[in-house]
């Protein structure tokens, strides 16, 4: 007995009933298919076809989009032991049959449901994310994308898929159309898949922030992120029964300098809310220092500043409302704040 001899061969009739009908040559060997039989079945007029190196499509018709996705993952995964892939929804999809591989780029964004992502069948290339040290090269319709550290895959339709922020960065790396890039970034934030800071961090780590059309898209993204965050702040205040503040105002000392803009302000309690919708950039130190100085100046004047990020608003609005309510209730125990002029922004 050799290592190629299957311990418990399964009939080929079983393979034709497999949901995906895509297997590796190693998996076929566990079903008793020899190399000679595989070559015979994959001949030009045979019943099977070679989809990718060592990945076999168990029919001769054009592969479906699902079969192309599974084939790409089988090609890129580190196969520890030959086995038939688990059916969709069975267990953790990024372990076992698809170890150390996940879909990314436009294919991942299509699975995540971003409207601007092209249909799966229309993709010439399917991007697959693998560890940097894997000895694997792009071939056929599969483009190998390497990373020092694999992110945690998100299961979508039984497939391991990269998180949206990472998938957007991998897609943008191969896109030159400014409108497409802008739409993908905007949809990722607007539809709640990720926040602007996380997305821009991925773009920065991918060294894409030197491309003018990406920088322009990020500027639009920041504006979109602020609009979404302002809407969530409004719904937090009204939904959790906080008193009505004045919205989007500038503060000035009487006859003195401008103190800065605020997203919400309760004049009687001298409590302010400021949304931090800054996107991380390489020159953020100066921006952060300016923000910190403004906050310290306001607090020296007796104004309590509550700092809220879009992520906190999205994930823990009730907790943020409690922080604001506590600040409002504590106003009576503080010394009166300095008089400031409140102007619309």
Protein backbone atom coordinates (compact mmCIF):
# COMPACT_ATOMS: atom_id res chain seq x y z
CA UNK A 1 0.00 0.00 0.00
CA UNK A 2 1.35 3.44 -0.93
CA UNK A 3 0.42 6.90 0.34
CA UNK A 4 -1.75 7.30 -2.80
CA UNK A 5 -3.91 4.30 -1.95
CA UNK A 6 -7.25 5.41 -0.47
CA UNK A 7 -8.17 3.78 2.79
CA UNK A 8 -11.91 3.83 2.05
CA UNK A 9 -12.59 4.65 -1.60
CA UNK A 10 -15.94 6.29 -2.38
CA UNK A 11 -17.75 5.79 -5.69
CA UNK A 12 -17.48 8.47 -8.36
CA UNK A 13 -21.26 8.60 -8.45
CA UNK A 14 -21.04 10.37 -5.08
CA UNK A 15 -18.82 13.11 -6.54
CA UNK A 16 -21.38 14.13 -9.15
CA UNK A 17 -23.79 14.88 -6.31
CA UNK A 18 -21.40 17.14 -4.40
CA UNK A 19 -22.88 20.64 -4.18
CA UNK A 20 -19.79 22.39 -5.49
CA UNK A 21 -18.55 19.77 -7.96
CA UNK A 22 -15.06 21.20 -7.55
CA UNK A 23 -12.32 19.10 -5.95
CA UNK A 24 -8.56 18.97 -5.82
CA UNK A 25 -6.57 16.15 -7.32
CA UNK A 26 -5.65 15.05 -3.80
CA UNK A 27 -9.31 14.88 -2.80
CA UNK A 28 -10.10 12.83 -5.89
CA UNK A 29 -7.40 10.35 -4.94
CA UNK A 30 -9.28 9.66 -1.71
CA UNK A 31 -12.14 8.51 -3.93
CA UNK A 32 -9.94 6.09 -5.77
CA UNK A 33 -9.31 8.24 -8.85
CA UNK A 34 -5.82 7.52 -10.15
CA UNK A 35 -3.68 10.02 -12.00
CA UNK A 36 -4.27 8.15 -15.25
CA UNK A 37 -8.05 8.21 -14.74
CA UNK A 38 -7.94 11.91 -13.89
CA UNK A 39 -5.99 12.71 -17.05
CA UNK A 40 -8.42 10.65 -19.12
CA UNK A 41 -11.48 12.39 -17.70
CA UNK A 42 -9.91 15.85 -18.15
CA UNK A 43 -9.00 15.38 -21.82
CA UNK A 44 -10.33 17.92 -24.32
CA UNK A 45 -13.55 15.97 -24.98
CA UNK A 46 -13.76 14.40 -21.53
CA UNK A 47 -16.51 14.74 -18.89
CA UNK A 48 -14.34 16.82 -16.53
CA UNK A 49 -12.09 19.82 -16.98
CA UNK A 50 -9.05 21.20 -15.18
CA UNK A 51 -10.25 24.47 -13.67
CA UNK A 52 -6.91 25.46 -12.11
CA UNK A 53 -3.67 23.60 -11.39
CA UNK A 54 -4.67 20.54 -9.30
CA UNK A 55 -8.29 21.77 -9.13
CA UNK A 56 -10.85 19.80 -11.12
CA UNK A 57 -14.36 20.76 -12.24
CA UNK A 58 -16.52 17.64 -12.30
CA UNK A 59 -18.33 18.57 -15.49
CA UNK A 60 -17.33 19.98 -18.86
CA UNK A 61 -19.62 23.03 -18.97
CA UNK A 62 -18.55 26.56 -18.05
CA UNK A 63 -18.09 26.95 -14.29
CA UNK A 64 -20.68 28.86 -12.31
CA UNK A 65 -19.61 31.84 -10.22
CA UNK A 66 -19.84 29.68 -7.09
CA UNK A 67 -17.63 27.01 -8.64
CA UNK A 68 -15.05 29.63 -9.63
CA UNK A 69 -14.97 30.94 -6.06
CA UNK A 70 -14.56 27.50 -4.54
CA UNK A 71 -11.95 26.60 -7.12
CA UNK A 72 -9.93 29.73 -6.30
CA UNK A 73 -10.03 28.91 -2.59
CA UNK A 74 -9.07 25.27 -3.16
CA UNK A 75 -6.13 26.35 -5.31
CA UNK A 76 -4.89 28.87 -2.73
CA UNK A 77 -5.59 26.99 0.49
CA UNK A 78 -2.99 25.00 2.36
CA UNK A 79 -4.31 21.48 2.13
CA UNK A 80 -3.49 19.58 5.28
CA UNK A 81 -5.46 16.47 4.52
CA UNK A 82 -7.46 15.48 1.43
CA UNK A 83 -11.16 15.81 2.07
CA UNK A 84 -14.36 16.85 0.39
CA UNK A 85 -15.09 20.51 1.26
CA UNK A 86 -17.77 21.04 3.85
CA UNK A 87 -21.18 22.06 2.59
CA UNK A 88 -22.14 25.75 2.88
CA UNK A 89 -22.87 26.77 6.45
CA UNK A 90 -21.17 23.72 7.96
CA UNK A 91 -18.71 24.92 10.59
CA UNK A 92 -16.03 27.57 10.23
CA UNK A 93 -15.44 28.11 6.49
CA UNK A 94 -11.89 29.43 6.82
CA UNK A 95 -10.61 26.27 8.50
CA UNK A 96 -10.03 22.79 7.13
CA UNK A 97 -10.53 22.72 3.38
CA UNK A 98 -9.75 26.44 2.99
CA UNK A 99 -6.93 26.87 5.51
CA UNK A 100 -4.82 30.02 5.10
CA UNK A 101 -6.90 31.46 2.25
CA UNK A 102 -9.82 33.85 1.94
CA UNK A 103 -11.53 35.81 -0.82
CA UNK A 104 -10.72 39.52 -1.05
CA UNK A 105 -10.93 42.39 -3.55
CA UNK A 106 -13.97 42.83 -5.79
CA UNK A 107 -15.16 39.24 -5.36
CA UNK A 108 -15.30 39.73 -1.59
CA UNK A 109 -17.10 43.07 -1.98
CA UNK A 110 -19.69 41.46 -4.25
CA UNK A 111 -20.30 38.81 -1.59
CA UNK A 112 -20.56 41.51 1.08
CA UNK A 113 -23.25 43.14 -1.06
CA UNK A 114 -21.66 46.46 -2.07
CA UNK A 115 -23.79 47.79 -4.96
CA UNK A 116 -20.80 49.08 -6.97
CA UNK A 117 -19.01 45.72 -6.97
CA UNK A 118 -19.40 43.99 -10.35
CA UNK A 119 -21.28 40.68 -10.60
CA UNK A 120 -19.15 37.65 -9.80
CA UNK A 121 -19.46 36.13 -13.25
CA UNK A 122 -18.19 39.38 -14.76
CA UNK A 123 -14.90 39.26 -12.87
CA UNK A 124 -11.88 38.30 -14.93
CA UNK A 125 -9.82 37.86 -11.78
CA UNK A 126 -10.71 36.59 -8.32
CA UNK A 127 -8.38 37.83 -5.58
CA UNK A 128 -7.40 35.41 -2.83
CA UNK A 129 -5.57 36.57 0.31
CA UNK A 130 -2.84 34.27 1.65
CA UNK A 131 0.07 34.60 4.11
CA UNK A 132 3.09 36.37 2.67
CA UNK A 133 5.45 33.40 2.96
CA UNK A 134 3.23 30.96 1.03
CA UNK A 135 4.94 29.72 -2.15
CA UNK A 136 2.04 30.32 -4.46
CA UNK A 137 1.65 32.30 -7.66
CA UNK A 138 -1.24 33.82 -9.56
CA UNK A 139 -2.60 31.66 -12.34
CA UNK A 140 -5.65 31.47 -14.57
CA UNK A 141 -8.39 33.64 -13.12
CA UNK A 142 -6.85 33.64 -9.62
CA UNK A 143 -4.76 36.58 -8.41
CA UNK A 144 -2.79 35.86 -5.24
CA UNK A 145 -2.63 38.73 -2.73
CA UNK A 146 -0.14 38.40 0.11
CA UNK A 147 -0.25 39.79 3.63
CA UNK A 148 2.04 39.52 6.69
CA UNK A 149 -0.98 38.77 8.88
CA UNK A 150 -4.25 37.26 7.71
CA UNK A 151 -7.28 39.09 9.12
CA UNK A 152 -10.12 37.12 10.67
CA UNK A 153 -12.31 35.93 7.81
CA UNK A 154 -16.02 36.74 7.69
CA UNK A 155 -18.22 33.82 6.62
CA UNK A 156 -20.43 34.81 3.68
CA UNK A 157 -22.49 32.15 1.86
CA UNK A 158 -20.31 29.46 3.39
CA UNK A 159 -17.09 31.06 2.15
CA UNK A 160 -14.21 32.72 4.05
CA UNK A 161 -14.21 36.38 3.01
CA UNK A 162 -11.90 39.22 4.03
CA UNK A 163 -13.42 42.07 6.08
CA UNK A 164 -14.78 44.91 3.95
CA UNK A 165 -12.03 47.42 4.75
CA UNK A 166 -9.31 44.97 3.72
CA UNK A 167 -11.25 43.87 0.63
CA UNK A 168 -11.70 47.50 -0.46
CA UNK A 169 -7.96 48.17 -0.15
CA UNK A 170 -7.13 45.07 -2.19
CA UNK A 171 -9.67 46.08 -4.83
CA UNK A 172 -8.50 49.71 -5.01
CA UNK A 173 -4.92 48.53 -5.57
CA UNK A 174 -5.98 47.42 -9.06
CA UNK A 175 -8.47 50.19 -9.90
CA UNK A 176 -7.68 53.41 -11.75
CA UNK A 177 -11.19 54.80 -12.24
CA UNK A 178 -11.71 57.56 -9.68
CA UNK A 179 -15.52 57.29 -9.67
CA UNK A 180 -15.43 53.56 -8.97
CA UNK A 181 -12.96 54.01 -6.13
CA UNK A 182 -15.06 56.80 -4.62
CA UNK A 183 -18.25 54.73 -4.80
CA UNK A 184 -16.66 51.69 -3.17
CA UNK A 185 -15.25 53.73 -0.28
CA UNK A 186 -18.51 55.61 0.22
CA UNK A 187 -20.66 52.46 0.17
CA UNK A 188 -18.37 50.70 2.64
CA UNK A 189 -18.91 53.51 5.16
CA UNK A 190 -22.49 54.53 4.35
CA UNK A 191 -23.81 50.96 4.54
CA UNK A 192 -22.19 50.40 7.94
CA UNK A 193 -19.55 47.86 6.93
CA UNK A 194 -16.69 49.82 8.50
CA UNK A 195 -15.79 53.28 9.75
CA UNK A 196 -13.65 55.77 7.82
CA UNK A 197 -10.66 55.44 10.14
CA UNK A 198 -10.43 51.67 9.67
CA UNK A 199 -10.79 51.96 5.92
CA UNK A 200 -8.19 54.69 5.54
CA UNK A 201 -5.82 52.73 7.78
CA UNK A 202 -6.05 49.78 5.39
CA UNK A 203 -5.44 52.08 2.41
CA UNK A 204 -2.42 53.58 4.16
CA UNK A 205 -0.94 50.19 5.04
CA UNK A 206 -1.42 49.16 1.40
CA UNK A 207 0.58 52.27 0.38
CA UNK A 208 -2.28 53.62 -1.72
CA UNK A 209 -2.52 57.09 -0.19
CA UNK A 210 0.04 58.44 -2.64
CA UNK A 211 -2.38 58.02 -5.55
CA UNK A 212 -4.31 61.25 -6.29
CA UNK A 213 -7.61 59.54 -7.13
CA UNK A 214 -7.45 57.61 -3.85
CA UNK A 215 -6.75 60.79 -1.85
CA UNK A 216 -9.72 62.50 -3.55
CA UNK A 217 -11.92 59.52 -2.72
CA UNK A 218 -10.79 59.64 0.91
CA UNK A 219 -11.76 63.32 1.14
CA UNK A 220 -15.26 62.37 -0.06
CA UNK A 221 -15.24 59.46 2.35
CA UNK A 222 -14.50 61.71 5.33
CA UNK A 223 -17.39 63.99 4.34
CA UNK A 224 -19.69 60.98 3.96
CA UNK A 225 -18.55 59.58 7.29
CA UNK A 226 -19.26 62.88 9.04
CA UNK A 227 -22.77 63.07 7.57
CA UNK A 228 -23.52 59.53 8.74
CA UNK A 229 -22.07 60.22 12.19
CA UNK A 230 -24.04 63.46 12.59
CA UNK A 231 -27.24 61.62 11.75
CA UNK A 232 -26.46 58.94 14.34
CA UNK A 233 -25.68 61.61 16.95
CA UNK A 234 -29.05 63.26 16.30
CA UNK A 235 -30.83 59.91 16.63
CA UNK A 236 -28.92 59.17 19.83
CA UNK A 237 -30.02 62.43 21.44
CA UNK A 238 -33.66 62.06 20.41
CA UNK A 239 -33.86 58.29 20.87
CA UNK A 240 -32.52 58.23 24.42
CA UNK A 241 -34.45 61.23 25.67
CA UNK A 242 -31.61 63.72 26.11
CA UNK A 243 -32.49 67.43 26.27
CA UNK A 244 -32.34 69.27 22.97
CA UNK A 245 -28.95 70.92 22.38
CA UNK A 246 -28.06 73.60 19.88
CA UNK A 247 -26.56 71.88 16.84
CA UNK A 248 -23.41 72.70 14.85
CA UNK A 249 -22.28 75.87 16.56
CA UNK A 250 -19.15 77.96 16.96
CA UNK A 251 -18.08 79.32 20.34
CA UNK A 252 -16.34 82.65 20.91
CA UNK A 253 -15.32 84.63 23.94
CA UNK A 254 -17.14 88.00 24.05
CA UNK A 255 -15.07 90.31 21.91
CA UNK A 256 -12.37 87.65 21.90
CA UNK A 257 -11.02 84.79 19.83
CA UNK A 258 -12.81 81.93 18.17
CA UNK A 259 -12.85 78.85 20.45
CA UNK A 260 -13.84 76.23 17.89
CA UNK A 261 -16.81 74.44 16.42
CA UNK A 262 -18.95 71.85 18.18
CA UNK A 263 -21.46 69.31 16.91
CA UNK A 264 -23.85 69.70 19.86
CA UNK A 265 -23.88 72.11 22.81
CA UNK A 266 -26.04 72.49 25.91
CA UNK A 267 -25.46 76.15 26.96
CA UNK A 268 -27.16 75.94 30.38
CA UNK A 269 -25.03 72.99 31.44
CA UNK A 270 -21.91 74.01 29.46
CA UNK A 271 -21.63 70.52 27.98
CA UNK A 272 -20.41 69.95 24.44
CA UNK A 273 -20.21 66.92 22.12
CA UNK A 274 -17.56 66.76 19.45
CA UNK A 275 -17.46 64.04 16.83
CA UNK A 276 -14.02 62.82 15.90
CA UNK A 277 -14.38 61.96 12.22
CA UNK A 278 -10.76 62.51 11.34
CA UNK A 279 -9.28 59.95 8.98
CA UNK A 280 -5.77 58.81 9.91
CA UNK A 281 -3.16 60.40 7.67
CA UNK A 282 0.57 60.61 7.79
CA UNK A 283 0.33 64.25 8.87
CA UNK A 284 -2.21 63.68 11.62
CA UNK A 285 0.05 64.80 14.50
CA UNK A 286 -0.53 68.49 13.75
CA UNK A 287 -4.28 68.02 13.39
CA UNK A 288 -4.51 66.07 16.62
CA UNK A 289 -2.46 68.67 18.49
CA UNK A 290 -4.79 71.42 17.31
CA UNK A 291 -7.83 69.39 18.42
CA UNK A 292 -6.30 68.69 21.84
CA UNK A 293 -5.48 72.36 22.37
CA UNK A 294 -9.05 73.36 21.57
CA UNK A 295 -10.45 70.80 23.99
CA UNK A 296 -8.09 71.84 26.80
CA UNK A 297 -8.98 75.51 26.25
CA UNK A 298 -12.72 74.81 26.49
CA UNK A 299 -12.29 72.72 29.63
CA UNK A 300 -10.26 75.49 31.27
CA UNK A 301 -13.27 77.71 30.66
CA UNK A 302 -15.46 75.22 32.51
CA UNK A 303 -17.02 73.58 29.43
CA UNK A 304 -17.22 69.78 29.55
CA UNK A 305 -16.31 68.25 26.20
CA UNK A 306 -17.55 64.73 25.43
CA UNK A 307 -15.50 63.16 22.67
CA UNK A 308 -17.38 60.57 20.57
CA UNK A 309 -16.15 58.60 17.58
CA UNK A 310 -18.40 57.29 14.78
CA UNK A 311 -17.57 53.74 15.83
CA UNK A 312 -18.79 54.36 19.38
CA UNK A 313 -22.01 55.85 18.01
CA UNK A 314 -22.53 52.84 15.78
CA UNK A 315 -21.68 50.14 18.29
CA UNK A 316 -22.65 51.57 21.68
CA UNK A 317 -25.07 54.49 21.25
CA UNK A 318 -26.84 53.78 24.54
CA UNK A 319 -23.57 53.90 26.45
CA UNK A 320 -22.58 57.19 24.79
CA UNK A 321 -25.99 58.65 25.65
CA UNK A 322 -25.37 57.68 29.28
CA UNK A 323 -22.01 59.49 29.22
CA UNK A 324 -23.64 62.67 27.93
CA UNK A 325 -26.51 62.40 30.43
CA UNK A 326 -24.01 62.01 33.30
CA UNK A 327 -22.15 65.13 32.16
CA UNK A 328 -25.40 67.10 32.01
CA UNK A 329 -26.45 65.94 35.49
CA UNK A 330 -23.03 66.80 36.93
CA UNK A 331 -23.22 70.38 35.69
CA UNK A 332 -24.85 71.59 38.88
CA UNK A 333 -21.90 70.38 40.95
CA UNK A 334 -19.32 72.33 38.96
CA UNK A 335 -18.30 75.94 39.14
CA UNK A 336 -20.13 78.09 36.56
CA UNK A 337 -18.48 78.12 33.18
CA UNK A 338 -17.16 81.28 31.58
CA UNK A 339 -19.64 83.18 29.45
CA UNK A 340 -19.24 82.38 25.77
CA UNK A 341 -21.02 83.54 22.63
CA UNK A 342 -22.78 80.75 20.68
CA UNK A 343 -22.99 81.29 16.93
CA UNK A 344 -24.42 79.06 14.19
CA UNK A 345 -21.75 77.25 12.20
